[in-house]
Amino acid sequence: MAAPALAQAQMSAPNALDVASPDLVQDGVVRWSCSDLRGVFAPRFALTLHERTVGKLLPQLRLTRLQPRPYHPKKDAEAQEALKNLNARVVAALPAHAAGKPVEIWFQDEASVGQ
């Protein structure tokens, strides 16, 4: 069986491995990847690891490989809330004889109106 890549002392020293939030200026990245962490481990622990090995070490170091969902920088929060409330507004606007029946909603782009 192969020896562990990091010694127990290295694994249990959280101050020695402060990779929770990278600094763009200092670390050059906004989020860590296994190849980035590989470059962090090399000078700190004087060893070279494969990217896959770094990925296997993450749970042992109490780190996860989670990545937040991306969002569009020009998203319109008000438009999203309006769309969420659309169902209640449509149901309230229906006549009594249409209550409980499925409703199909079609959207038309303003640019295509009249073409």
PDB file of N, CA and C in Angstrom:
ATOM      1  N   MET A   1       0.842  -1.180   0.000  1.00  0.00           N
ATOM      2  CA  MET A   1       0.000   0.000   0.000  1.00  0.00           C
ATOM      3  C   MET A   1       0.886   1.241   0.000  1.00  0.00           C
ATOM      4  N   ALA A   2       0.496   2.239  -0.789  1.00  0.00           N
ATOM      5  CA  ALA A   2       1.290   3.457  -0.911  1.00  0.00           C
ATOM      6  C   ALA A   2       1.160   4.318   0.339  1.00  0.00           C
ATOM      7  N   ALA A   3       2.222   5.042   0.644  1.00  0.00           N
ATOM      8  CA  ALA A   3       2.208   5.937   1.803  1.00  0.00           C
ATOM      9  C   ALA A   3       1.327   7.144   1.494  1.00  0.00           C
ATOM     10  N   PRO A   4       0.692   7.725   2.524  1.00  0.00           N
ATOM     11  CA  PRO A   4      -0.135   8.906   2.279  1.00  0.00           C
ATOM     12  C   PRO A   4       0.697  10.048   1.695  1.00  0.00           C
ATOM     13  N   ALA A   5       0.061  10.824   0.828  1.00  0.00           N
ATOM     14  CA  ALA A   5       0.764  11.938   0.181  1.00  0.00           C
ATOM     15  C   ALA A   5       1.141  13.003   1.193  1.00  0.00           C
ATOM     16  N   LEU A   6       0.239  13.306   2.108  1.00  0.00           N
ATOM     17  CA  LEU A   6       0.514  14.285   3.155  1.00  0.00           C
ATOM     18  C   LEU A   6       0.603  13.577   4.495  1.00  0.00           C
ATOM     19  N   ALA A   7       1.573  13.966   5.308  1.00  0.00           N
ATOM     20  CA  ALA A   7       1.710  13.388   6.641  1.00  0.00           C
ATOM     21  C   ALA A   7       0.537  13.839   7.504  1.00  0.00           C
ATOM     22  N   GLN A   8       0.273  13.111   8.590  1.00  0.00           N
ATOM     23  CA  GLN A   8      -0.846  13.435   9.474  1.00  0.00           C
ATOM     24  C   GLN A   8      -0.701  14.836  10.052  1.00  0.00           C
ATOM     25  N   ALA A   9       0.490  15.267  10.353  1.00  0.00           N
ATOM     26  CA  ALA A   9       0.710  16.607  10.900  1.00  0.00           C
ATOM     27  C   ALA A   9       0.331  17.678   9.877  1.00  0.00           C
ATOM     28  N   GLN A  10       0.636  17.410   8.604  1.00  0.00           N
ATOM     29  CA  GLN A  10       0.279  18.364   7.558  1.00  0.00           C
ATOM     30  C   GLN A  10      -1.226  18.424   7.348  1.00  0.00           C
ATOM     31  N   MET A  11      -1.897  17.285   7.491  1.00  0.00           N
ATOM     32  CA  MET A  11      -3.341  17.222   7.280  1.00  0.00           C
ATOM     33  C   MET A  11      -4.106  17.885   8.417  1.00  0.00           C
ATOM     34  N   SER A  12      -3.559  17.835   9.623  1.00  0.00           N
ATOM     35  CA  SER A  12      -4.304  18.342  10.777  1.00  0.00           C
ATOM     36  C   SER A  12      -3.964  19.794  11.104  1.00  0.00           C
ATOM     37  N   ALA A  13      -3.172  20.426  10.295  1.00  0.00           N
ATOM     38  CA  ALA A  13      -2.808  21.815  10.564  1.00  0.00           C
ATOM     39  C   ALA A  13      -3.615  22.743   9.666  1.00  0.00           C
ATOM     40  N   PRO A  14      -4.796  23.184  10.121  1.00  0.00           N
ATOM     41  CA  PRO A  14      -5.619  24.024   9.260  1.00  0.00           C
ATOM     42  C   PRO A  14      -4.978  25.368   8.959  1.00  0.00           C
ATOM     43  N   ASN A  15      -4.160  25.890   9.849  1.00  0.00           N
ATOM     44  CA  ASN A  15      -3.509  27.176   9.585  1.00  0.00           C
ATOM     45  C   ASN A  15      -2.459  27.054   8.486  1.00  0.00           C
ATOM     46  N   ALA A  16      -1.886  25.876   8.354  1.00  0.00           N
ATOM     47  CA  ALA A  16      -0.875  25.665   7.320  1.00  0.00           C
ATOM     48  C   ALA A  16      -1.520  25.584   5.939  1.00  0.00           C
ATOM     49  N   LEU A  17      -2.801  25.293   5.905  1.00  0.00           N
ATOM     50  CA  LEU A  17      -3.490  25.151   4.636  1.00  0.00           C
ATOM     51  C   LEU A  17      -4.694  26.079   4.611  1.00  0.00           C
ATOM     52  N   ASP A  18      -4.457  27.349   4.441  1.00  0.00           N
ATOM     53  CA  ASP A  18      -5.517  28.343   4.414  1.00  0.00           C
ATOM     54  C   ASP A  18      -5.906  28.595   2.962  1.00  0.00           C
ATOM     55  N   VAL A  19      -6.716  27.697   2.418  1.00  0.00           N
ATOM     56  CA  VAL A  19      -7.126  27.812   1.027  1.00  0.00           C
ATOM     57  C   VAL A  19      -8.632  28.035   0.909  1.00  0.00           C
ATOM     58  N   ALA A  20      -9.274  28.400   1.993  1.00  0.00           N
ATOM     59  CA  ALA A  20     -10.729  28.528   1.976  1.00  0.00           C
ATOM     60  C   ALA A  20     -11.199  29.570   0.973  1.00  0.00           C
ATOM     61  N   SER A  21     -10.566  30.717   0.943  1.00  0.00           N
ATOM     62  CA  SER A  21     -10.983  31.744  -0.004  1.00  0.00           C
ATOM     63  C   SER A  21      -9.750  32.355  -0.651  1.00  0.00           C
ATOM     64  N   PRO A  22      -9.531  32.068  -1.925  1.00  0.00           N
ATOM     65  CA  PRO A  22      -8.341  32.600  -2.590  1.00  0.00           C
ATOM     66  C   PRO A  22      -8.441  34.111  -2.790  1.00  0.00           C
ATOM     67  N   ASP A  23      -7.311  34.733  -2.795  1.00  0.00           N
ATOM     68  CA  ASP A  23      -7.222  36.171  -3.047  1.00  0.00           C
ATOM     69  C   ASP A  23      -6.713  36.348  -4.470  1.00  0.00           C
ATOM     70  N   LEU A  24      -7.444  37.103  -5.266  1.00  0.00           N
ATOM     71  CA  LEU A  24      -7.076  37.274  -6.673  1.00  0.00           C
ATOM     72  C   LEU A  24      -5.691  37.874  -6.824  1.00  0.00           C
ATOM     73  N   VAL A  25      -5.362  38.850  -5.998  1.00  0.00           N
ATOM     74  CA  VAL A  25      -4.063  39.513  -6.115  1.00  0.00           C
ATOM     75  C   VAL A  25      -2.941  38.579  -5.665  1.00  0.00           C
ATOM     76  N   GLN A  26      -3.122  37.940  -4.522  1.00  0.00           N
ATOM     77  CA  GLN A  26      -2.068  37.092  -3.960  1.00  0.00           C
ATOM     78  C   GLN A  26      -1.967  35.747  -4.678  1.00  0.00           C
ATOM     79  N   ASP A  27      -3.117  35.098  -4.887  1.00  0.00           N
ATOM     80  CA  ASP A  27      -3.113  33.744  -5.435  1.00  0.00           C
ATOM     81  C   ASP A  27      -3.299  33.696  -6.948  1.00  0.00           C
ATOM     82  N   GLY A  28      -3.831  34.764  -7.524  1.00  0.00           N
ATOM     83  CA  GLY A  28      -4.023  34.798  -8.963  1.00  0.00           C
ATOM     84  C   GLY A  28      -5.257  34.060  -9.453  1.00  0.00           C
ATOM     85  N   VAL A  29      -6.118  33.611  -8.555  1.00  0.00           N
ATOM     86  CA  VAL A  29      -7.339  32.900  -8.937  1.00  0.00           C
ATOM     87  C   VAL A  29      -8.505  33.421  -8.103  1.00  0.00           C
ATOM     88  N   VAL A  30      -9.712  33.275  -8.646  1.00  0.00           N
ATOM     89  CA  VAL A  30     -10.903  33.648  -7.885  1.00  0.00           C
ATOM     90  C   VAL A  30     -11.568  32.432  -7.267  1.00  0.00           C
ATOM     91  N   ARG A  31     -11.262  31.254  -7.781  1.00  0.00           N
ATOM     92  CA  ARG A  31     -11.712  30.005  -7.169  1.00  0.00           C
ATOM     93  C   ARG A  31     -10.639  28.952  -7.400  1.00  0.00           C
ATOM     94  N   TRP A  32     -10.545  28.031  -6.468  1.00  0.00           N
ATOM     95  CA  TRP A  32      -9.494  27.024  -6.548  1.00  0.00           C
ATOM     96  C   TRP A  32      -9.895  25.897  -7.489  1.00  0.00           C
ATOM     97  N   SER A  33      -8.957  25.415  -8.248  1.00  0.00           N
ATOM     98  CA  SER A  33      -9.102  24.173  -8.995  1.00  0.00           C
ATOM     99  C   SER A  33      -8.021  23.231  -8.461  1.00  0.00           C
ATOM    100  N   CYS A  34      -8.116  21.973  -8.822  1.00  0.00           N
ATOM    101  CA  CYS A  34      -7.115  21.016  -8.336  1.00  0.00           C
ATOM    102  C   CYS A  34      -5.714  21.381  -8.819  1.00  0.00           C
ATOM    103  N   SER A  35      -5.607  21.902 -10.031  1.00  0.00           N
ATOM    104  CA  SER A  35      -4.276  22.277 -10.519  1.00  0.00           C
ATOM    105  C   SER A  35      -3.750  23.494  -9.759  1.00  0.00           C
ATOM    106  N   ASP A  36      -4.642  24.423  -9.362  1.00  0.00           N
ATOM    107  CA  ASP A  36      -4.208  25.569  -8.561  1.00  0.00           C
ATOM    108  C   ASP A  36      -3.733  25.105  -7.186  1.00  0.00           C
ATOM    109  N   LEU A  37      -4.506  24.215  -6.573  1.00  0.00           N
ATOM    110  CA  LEU A  37      -4.121  23.708  -5.256  1.00  0.00           C
ATOM    111  C   LEU A  37      -2.825  22.909  -5.322  1.00  0.00           C
ATOM    112  N   ARG A  38      -2.616  22.248  -6.435  1.00  0.00           N
ATOM    113  CA  ARG A  38      -1.365  21.512  -6.632  1.00  0.00           C
ATOM    114  C   ARG A  38      -0.175  22.469  -6.535  1.00  0.00           C
ATOM    115  N   GLY A  39      -0.337  23.669  -7.119  1.00  0.00           N
ATOM    116  CA  GLY A  39       0.718  24.675  -7.045  1.00  0.00           C
ATOM    117  C   GLY A  39       0.877  25.250  -5.644  1.00  0.00           C
ATOM    118  N   VAL A  40      -0.189  25.229  -4.846  1.00  0.00           N
ATOM    119  CA  VAL A  40      -0.107  25.696  -3.453  1.00  0.00           C
ATOM    120  C   VAL A  40       0.602  24.661  -2.593  1.00  0.00           C
ATOM    121  N   PHE A  41       0.298  23.385  -2.821  1.00  0.00           N
ATOM    122  CA  PHE A  41       0.899  22.320  -2.011  1.00  0.00           C
ATOM    123  C   PHE A  41       2.404  22.204  -2.222  1.00  0.00           C
ATOM    124  N   ALA A  42       2.854  22.420  -3.465  1.00  0.00           N
ATOM    125  CA  ALA A  42       4.266  22.198  -3.786  1.00  0.00           C
ATOM    126  C   ALA A  42       5.214  22.986  -2.894  1.00  0.00           C
ATOM    127  N   PRO A  43       5.108  24.318  -2.768  1.00  0.00           N
ATOM    128  CA  PRO A  43       6.062  25.022  -1.909  1.00  0.00           C
ATOM    129  C   PRO A  43       5.794  24.828  -0.414  1.00  0.00           C
ATOM    130  N   ARG A  44       4.528  24.662  -0.043  1.00  0.00           N
ATOM    131  CA  ARG A  44       4.209  24.540   1.397  1.00  0.00           C
ATOM    132  C   ARG A  44       4.658  23.224   1.985  1.00  0.00           C
ATOM    133  N   PHE A  45       4.475  22.140   1.214  1.00  0.00           N
ATOM    134  CA  PHE A  45       4.770  20.818   1.754  1.00  0.00           C
ATOM    135  C   PHE A  45       5.942  20.138   1.067  1.00  0.00           C
ATOM    136  N   ALA A  46       6.593  20.826   0.153  1.00  0.00           N
ATOM    137  CA  ALA A  46       7.765  20.305  -0.557  1.00  0.00           C
ATOM    138  C   ALA A  46       7.471  18.962  -1.211  1.00  0.00           C
ATOM    139  N   LEU A  47       6.345  18.879  -1.904  1.00  0.00           N
ATOM    140  CA  LEU A  47       6.033  17.665  -2.643  1.00  0.00           C
ATOM    141  C   LEU A  47       5.202  18.017  -3.862  1.00  0.00           C
ATOM    142  N   THR A  48       5.301  17.172  -4.865  1.00  0.00           N
ATOM    143  CA  THR A  48       4.568  17.367  -6.104  1.00  0.00           C
ATOM    144  C   THR A  48       3.482  16.306  -6.184  1.00  0.00           C
ATOM    145  N   LEU A  49       2.242  16.761  -6.358  1.00  0.00           N
ATOM    146  CA  LEU A  49       1.104  15.851  -6.421  1.00  0.00           C
ATOM    147  C   LEU A  49       0.446  15.936  -7.788  1.00  0.00           C
ATOM    148  N   HIS A  50      -0.169  14.857  -8.183  1.00  0.00           N
ATOM    149  CA  HIS A  50      -0.963  14.857  -9.404  1.00  0.00           C
ATOM    150  C   HIS A  50      -2.308  15.522  -9.090  1.00  0.00           C
ATOM    151  N   GLU A  51      -2.946  16.111 -10.101  1.00  0.00           N
ATOM    152  CA  GLU A  51      -4.230  16.788  -9.889  1.00  0.00           C
ATOM    153  C   GLU A  51      -5.271  15.835  -9.301  1.00  0.00           C
ATOM    154  N   ARG A  52      -5.280  14.608  -9.758  1.00  0.00           N
ATOM    155  CA  ARG A  52      -6.245  13.613  -9.248  1.00  0.00           C
ATOM    156  C   ARG A  52      -5.988  13.344  -7.769  1.00  0.00           C
ATOM    157  N   THR A  53      -4.743  13.294  -7.362  1.00  0.00           N
ATOM    158  CA  THR A  53      -4.398  13.078  -5.962  1.00  0.00           C
ATOM    159  C   THR A  53      -4.895  14.241  -5.116  1.00  0.00           C
ATOM    160  N   VAL A  54      -4.777  15.443  -5.623  1.00  0.00           N
ATOM    161  CA  VAL A  54      -5.284  16.612  -4.902  1.00  0.00           C
ATOM    162  C   VAL A  54      -6.786  16.474  -4.725  1.00  0.00           C
ATOM    163  N   GLY A  55      -7.489  16.038  -5.774  1.00  0.00           N
ATOM    164  CA  GLY A  55      -8.926  15.826  -5.677  1.00  0.00           C
ATOM    165  C   GLY A  55      -9.291  14.797  -4.627  1.00  0.00           C
ATOM    166  N   LYS A  56      -8.492  13.763  -4.495  1.00  0.00           N
ATOM    167  CA  LYS A  56      -8.747  12.738  -3.477  1.00  0.00           C
ATOM    168  C   LYS A  56      -8.444  13.246  -2.071  1.00  0.00           C
ATOM    169  N   LEU A  57      -7.530  14.203  -1.954  1.00  0.00           N
ATOM    170  CA  LEU A  57      -7.173  14.742  -0.640  1.00  0.00           C
ATOM    171  C   LEU A  57      -8.208  15.726  -0.089  1.00  0.00           C
ATOM    172  N   LEU A  58      -8.999  16.331  -0.959  1.00  0.00           N
ATOM    173  CA  LEU A  58      -9.934  17.366  -0.520  1.00  0.00           C
ATOM    174  C   LEU A  58     -10.855  16.919   0.612  1.00  0.00           C
ATOM    175  N   PRO A  59     -11.518  15.759   0.530  1.00  0.00           N
ATOM    176  CA  PRO A  59     -12.372  15.355   1.658  1.00  0.00           C
ATOM    177  C   PRO A  59     -11.588  15.117   2.945  1.00  0.00           C
ATOM    178  N   GLN A  60     -10.370  14.627   2.827  1.00  0.00           N
ATOM    179  CA  GLN A  60      -9.552  14.383   4.017  1.00  0.00           C
ATOM    180  C   GLN A  60      -9.140  15.695   4.685  1.00  0.00           C
ATOM    181  N   LEU A  61      -9.069  16.769   3.889  1.00  0.00           N
ATOM    182  CA  LEU A  61      -8.726  18.084   4.421  1.00  0.00           C
ATOM    183  C   LEU A  61      -9.976  18.886   4.796  1.00  0.00           C
ATOM    184  N   ARG A  62     -11.110  18.207   4.770  1.00  0.00           N
ATOM    185  CA  ARG A  62     -12.410  18.821   5.072  1.00  0.00           C
ATOM    186  C   ARG A  62     -12.731  19.954   4.090  1.00  0.00           C
ATOM    187  N   LEU A  63     -12.370  19.754   2.839  1.00  0.00           N
ATOM    188  CA  LEU A  63     -12.701  20.680   1.765  1.00  0.00           C
ATOM    189  C   LEU A  63     -13.609  19.950   0.783  1.00  0.00           C
ATOM    190  N   THR A  64     -14.434  20.689   0.072  1.00  0.00           N
ATOM    191  CA  THR A  64     -15.325  20.077  -0.897  1.00  0.00           C
ATOM    192  C   THR A  64     -15.034  20.617  -2.288  1.00  0.00           C
ATOM    193  N   ARG A  65     -15.558  19.923  -3.273  1.00  0.00           N
ATOM    194  CA  ARG A  65     -15.372  20.332  -4.661  1.00  0.00           C
ATOM    195  C   ARG A  65     -16.620  21.028  -5.180  1.00  0.00           C
ATOM    196  N   LEU A  66     -17.292  21.745  -4.330  1.00  0.00           N
ATOM    197  CA  LEU A  66     -18.508  22.438  -4.732  1.00  0.00           C
ATOM    198  C   LEU A  66     -18.177  23.680  -5.537  1.00  0.00           C
ATOM    199  N   GLN A  67     -19.054  23.990  -6.451  1.00  0.00           N
ATOM    200  CA  GLN A  67     -18.897  25.200  -7.251  1.00  0.00           C
ATOM    201  C   GLN A  67     -20.255  25.877  -7.305  1.00  0.00           C
ATOM    202  N   PRO A  68     -20.304  27.143  -6.997  1.00  0.00           N
ATOM    203  CA  PRO A  68     -21.601  27.819  -7.044  1.00  0.00           C
ATOM    204  C   PRO A  68     -22.138  27.893  -8.468  1.00  0.00           C
ATOM    205  N   ARG A  69     -23.455  27.940  -8.560  1.00  0.00           N
ATOM    206  CA  ARG A  69     -24.071  28.063  -9.871  1.00  0.00           C
ATOM    207  C   ARG A  69     -23.754  29.439 -10.454  1.00  0.00           C
ATOM    208  N   PRO A  70     -23.430  29.493 -11.721  1.00  0.00           N
ATOM    209  CA  PRO A  70     -23.139  30.790 -12.334  1.00  0.00           C
ATOM    210  C   PRO A  70     -24.415  31.618 -12.491  1.00  0.00           C
ATOM    211  N   TYR A  71     -24.273  32.901 -12.529  1.00  0.00           N
ATOM    212  CA  TYR A  71     -25.408  33.773 -12.795  1.00  0.00           C
ATOM    213  C   TYR A  71     -24.972  34.840 -13.785  1.00  0.00           C
ATOM    214  N   HIS A  72     -25.930  35.305 -14.543  1.00  0.00           N
ATOM    215  CA  HIS A  72     -25.629  36.293 -15.562  1.00  0.00           C
ATOM    216  C   HIS A  72     -25.440  37.651 -14.896  1.00  0.00           C
ATOM    217  N   PRO A  73     -24.394  38.385 -15.231  1.00  0.00           N
ATOM    218  CA  PRO A  73     -24.140  39.666 -14.566  1.00  0.00           C
ATOM    219  C   PRO A  73     -25.206  40.729 -14.850  1.00  0.00           C
ATOM    220  N   LYS A  74     -25.958  40.567 -15.931  1.00  0.00           N
ATOM    221  CA  LYS A  74     -26.988  41.548 -16.264  1.00  0.00           C
ATOM    222  C   LYS A  74     -28.392  41.045 -15.914  1.00  0.00           C
ATOM    223  N   LYS A  75     -28.494  40.103 -14.993  1.00  0.00           N
ATOM    224  CA  LYS A  75     -29.813  39.567 -14.655  1.00  0.00           C
ATOM    225  C   LYS A  75     -30.667  40.657 -14.004  1.00  0.00           C
ATOM    226  N   ASP A  76     -31.949  40.547 -14.209  1.00  0.00           N
ATOM    227  CA  ASP A  76     -32.899  41.524 -13.701  1.00  0.00           C
ATOM    228  C   ASP A  76     -33.706  40.866 -12.589  1.00  0.00           C
ATOM    229  N   ALA A  77     -33.407  41.183 -11.344  1.00  0.00           N
ATOM    230  CA  ALA A  77     -34.066  40.552 -10.203  1.00  0.00           C
ATOM    231  C   ALA A  77     -35.552  40.869 -10.174  1.00  0.00           C
ATOM    232  N   GLU A  78     -35.924  42.080 -10.558  1.00  0.00           N
ATOM    233  CA  GLU A  78     -37.342  42.456 -10.561  1.00  0.00           C
ATOM    234  C   GLU A  78     -38.120  41.631 -11.592  1.00  0.00           C
ATOM    235  N   ALA A  79     -37.541  41.415 -12.749  1.00  0.00           N
ATOM    236  CA  ALA A  79     -38.200  40.619 -13.784  1.00  0.00           C
ATOM    237  C   ALA A  79     -38.344  39.172 -13.329  1.00  0.00           C
ATOM    238  N   GLN A  80     -37.359  38.637 -12.615  1.00  0.00           N
ATOM    239  CA  GLN A  80     -37.445  37.271 -12.111  1.00  0.00           C
ATOM    240  C   GLN A  80     -38.571  37.140 -11.090  1.00  0.00           C
ATOM    241  N   GLU A  81     -38.687  38.111 -10.193  1.00  0.00           N
ATOM    242  CA  GLU A  81     -39.762  38.080  -9.197  1.00  0.00           C
ATOM    243  C   GLU A  81     -41.127  38.208  -9.871  1.00  0.00           C
ATOM    244  N   ALA A  82     -41.217  39.056 -10.889  1.00  0.00           N
ATOM    245  CA  ALA A  82     -42.479  39.210 -11.609  1.00  0.00           C
ATOM    246  C   ALA A  82     -42.894  37.911 -12.280  1.00  0.00           C
ATOM    247  N   LEU A  83     -41.933  37.182 -12.846  1.00  0.00           N
ATOM    248  CA  LEU A  83     -42.229  35.905 -13.475  1.00  0.00           C
ATOM    249  C   LEU A  83     -42.674  34.875 -12.447  1.00  0.00           C
ATOM    250  N   LYS A  84     -42.076  34.883 -11.259  1.00  0.00           N
ATOM    251  CA  LYS A  84     -42.475  33.952 -10.208  1.00  0.00           C
ATOM    252  C   LYS A  84     -43.923  34.206  -9.777  1.00  0.00           C
ATOM    253  N   ASN A  85     -44.340  35.465  -9.771  1.00  0.00           N
ATOM    254  CA  ASN A  85     -45.687  35.822  -9.350  1.00  0.00           C
ATOM    255  C   ASN A  85     -46.695  35.759 -10.495  1.00  0.00           C
ATOM    256  N   LEU A  86     -46.253  35.414 -11.692  1.00  0.00           N
ATOM    257  CA  LEU A  86     -47.130  35.400 -12.855  1.00  0.00           C
ATOM    258  C   LEU A  86     -48.261  34.393 -12.701  1.00  0.00           C
ATOM    259  N   ASN A  87     -47.986  33.232 -12.174  1.00  0.00           N
ATOM    260  CA  ASN A  87     -48.995  32.193 -12.033  1.00  0.00           C
ATOM    261  C   ASN A  87     -50.164  32.679 -11.181  1.00  0.00           C
ATOM    262  N   ALA A  88     -49.889  33.293 -10.061  1.00  0.00           N
ATOM    263  CA  ALA A  88     -50.950  33.775  -9.188  1.00  0.00           C
ATOM    264  C   ALA A  88     -51.765  34.862  -9.878  1.00  0.00           C
ATOM    265  N   ARG A  89     -51.114  35.714 -10.637  1.00  0.00           N
ATOM    266  CA  ARG A  89     -51.831  36.787 -11.337  1.00  0.00           C
ATOM    267  C   ARG A  89     -52.711  36.236 -12.446  1.00  0.00           C
ATOM    268  N   VAL A  90     -52.223  35.211 -13.158  1.00  0.00           N
ATOM    269  CA  VAL A  90     -53.011  34.614 -14.241  1.00  0.00           C
ATOM    270  C   VAL A  90     -54.231  33.913 -13.664  1.00  0.00           C
ATOM    271  N   VAL A  91     -54.046  33.132 -12.606  1.00  0.00           N
ATOM    272  CA  VAL A  91     -55.166  32.419 -11.984  1.00  0.00           C
ATOM    273  C   VAL A  91     -56.203  33.406 -11.465  1.00  0.00           C
ATOM    274  N   ALA A  92     -55.771  34.502 -10.890  1.00  0.00           N
ATOM    275  CA  ALA A  92     -56.707  35.505 -10.380  1.00  0.00           C
ATOM    276  C   ALA A  92     -57.473  36.183 -11.507  1.00  0.00           C
ATOM    277  N   ALA A  93     -56.901  36.265 -12.690  1.00  0.00           N
ATOM    278  CA  ALA A  93     -57.544  36.944 -13.812  1.00  0.00           C
ATOM    279  C   ALA A  93     -58.488  36.039 -14.601  1.00  0.00           C
ATOM    280  N   LEU A  94     -58.460  34.732 -14.341  1.00  0.00           N
ATOM    281  CA  LEU A  94     -59.301  33.807 -15.099  1.00  0.00           C
ATOM    282  C   LEU A  94     -60.769  33.958 -14.716  1.00  0.00           C
ATOM    283  N   PRO A  95     -61.663  33.777 -15.685  1.00  0.00           N
ATOM    284  CA  PRO A  95     -63.087  33.774 -15.335  1.00  0.00           C
ATOM    285  C   PRO A  95     -63.437  32.523 -14.527  1.00  0.00           C
ATOM    286  N   ALA A  96     -64.551  32.538 -13.871  1.00  0.00           N
ATOM    287  CA  ALA A  96     -64.944  31.451 -12.965  1.00  0.00           C
ATOM    288  C   ALA A  96     -65.042  30.107 -13.684  1.00  0.00           C
ATOM    289  N   HIS A  97     -65.534  30.098 -14.944  1.00  0.00           N
ATOM    290  CA  HIS A  97     -65.704  28.822 -15.650  1.00  0.00           C
ATOM    291  C   HIS A  97     -64.359  28.179 -16.030  1.00  0.00           C
ATOM    292  N   ALA A  98     -63.256  28.924 -15.979  1.00  0.00           N
ATOM    293  CA  ALA A  98     -61.942  28.393 -16.326  1.00  0.00           C
ATOM    294  C   ALA A  98     -61.144  27.965 -15.097  1.00  0.00           C
ATOM    295  N   ALA A  99     -61.689  28.136 -13.911  1.00  0.00           N
ATOM    296  CA  ALA A  99     -60.951  27.799 -12.681  1.00  0.00           C
ATOM    297  C   ALA A  99     -60.643  26.301 -12.642  1.00  0.00           C
ATOM    298  N   GLY A 100     -59.421  25.968 -12.313  1.00  0.00           N
ATOM    299  CA  GLY A 100     -59.000  24.574 -12.179  1.00  0.00           C
ATOM    300  C   GLY A 100     -58.592  23.919 -13.482  1.00  0.00           C
ATOM    301  N   LYS A 101     -58.745  24.598 -14.599  1.00  0.00           N
ATOM    302  CA  LYS A 101     -58.358  24.041 -15.893  1.00  0.00           C
ATOM    303  C   LYS A 101     -56.928  24.445 -16.213  1.00  0.00           C
ATOM    304  N   PRO A 102     -56.204  23.630 -16.981  1.00  0.00           N
ATOM    305  CA  PRO A 102     -54.831  24.000 -17.340  1.00  0.00           C
ATOM    306  C   PRO A 102     -54.813  25.252 -18.219  1.00  0.00           C
ATOM    307  N   VAL A 103     -53.801  26.053 -18.020  1.00  0.00           N
ATOM    308  CA  VAL A 103     -53.651  27.300 -18.765  1.00  0.00           C
ATOM    309  C   VAL A 103     -52.338  27.241 -19.528  1.00  0.00           C
ATOM    310  N   GLU A 104     -52.400  27.627 -20.798  1.00  0.00           N
ATOM    311  CA  GLU A 104     -51.199  27.669 -21.624  1.00  0.00           C
ATOM    312  C   GLU A 104     -50.879  29.132 -21.902  1.00  0.00           C
ATOM    313  N   ILE A 105     -49.675  29.550 -21.609  1.00  0.00           N
ATOM    314  CA  ILE A 105     -49.273  30.940 -21.780  1.00  0.00           C
ATOM    315  C   ILE A 105     -48.222  31.012 -22.867  1.00  0.00           C
ATOM    316  N   TRP A 106     -48.432  31.932 -23.822  1.00  0.00           N
ATOM    317  CA  TRP A 106     -47.491  32.141 -24.902  1.00  0.00           C
ATOM    318  C   TRP A 106     -46.919  33.532 -24.774  1.00  0.00           C
ATOM    319  N   PHE A 107     -45.614  33.659 -25.016  1.00  0.00           N
ATOM    320  CA  PHE A 107     -44.942  34.954 -24.983  1.00  0.00           C
ATOM    321  C   PHE A 107     -44.536  35.319 -26.398  1.00  0.00           C
ATOM    322  N   GLN A 108     -44.599  36.599 -26.684  1.00  0.00           N
ATOM    323  CA  GLN A 108     -44.202  37.073 -27.992  1.00  0.00           C
ATOM    324  C   GLN A 108     -43.215  38.211 -27.805  1.00  0.00           C
ATOM    325  N   ASP A 109     -42.119  38.141 -28.503  1.00  0.00           N
ATOM    326  CA  ASP A 109     -41.092  39.158 -28.443  1.00  0.00           C
ATOM    327  C   ASP A 109     -41.637  40.437 -29.075  1.00  0.00           C
ATOM    328  N   GLU A 110     -41.405  41.571 -28.442  1.00  0.00           N
ATOM    329  CA  GLU A 110     -41.902  42.851 -28.956  1.00  0.00           C
ATOM    330  C   GLU A 110     -41.347  43.155 -30.337  1.00  0.00           C
ATOM    331  N   ALA A 111     -40.142  42.704 -30.624  1.00  0.00           N
ATOM    332  CA  ALA A 111     -39.518  42.984 -31.926  1.00  0.00           C
ATOM    333  C   ALA A 111     -40.221  42.237 -33.055  1.00  0.00           C
ATOM    334  N   SER A 112     -40.863  41.101 -32.746  1.00  0.00           N
ATOM    335  CA  SER A 112     -41.489  40.311 -33.798  1.00  0.00           C
ATOM    336  C   SER A 112     -42.960  40.679 -34.005  1.00  0.00           C
ATOM    337  N   VAL A 113     -43.502  41.566 -33.191  1.00  0.00           N
ATOM    338  CA  VAL A 113     -44.893  41.999 -33.337  1.00  0.00           C
ATOM    339  C   VAL A 113     -45.031  42.798 -34.626  1.00  0.00           C
ATOM    340  N   GLY A 114     -46.025  42.445 -35.452  1.00  0.00           N
ATOM    341  CA  GLY A 114     -46.276  43.170 -36.674  1.00  0.00           C
ATOM    342  C   GLY A 114     -45.435  42.704 -37.844  1.00  0.00           C
ATOM    343  N   GLN A 115     -44.719  41.641 -37.724  1.00  0.00           N
ATOM    344  CA  GLN A 115     -43.909  41.158 -38.844  1.00  0.00           C
ATOM    345  C   GLN A 115     -44.650  40.103 -39.617  1.00  0.00           C
TER     346      GLN A 115
END
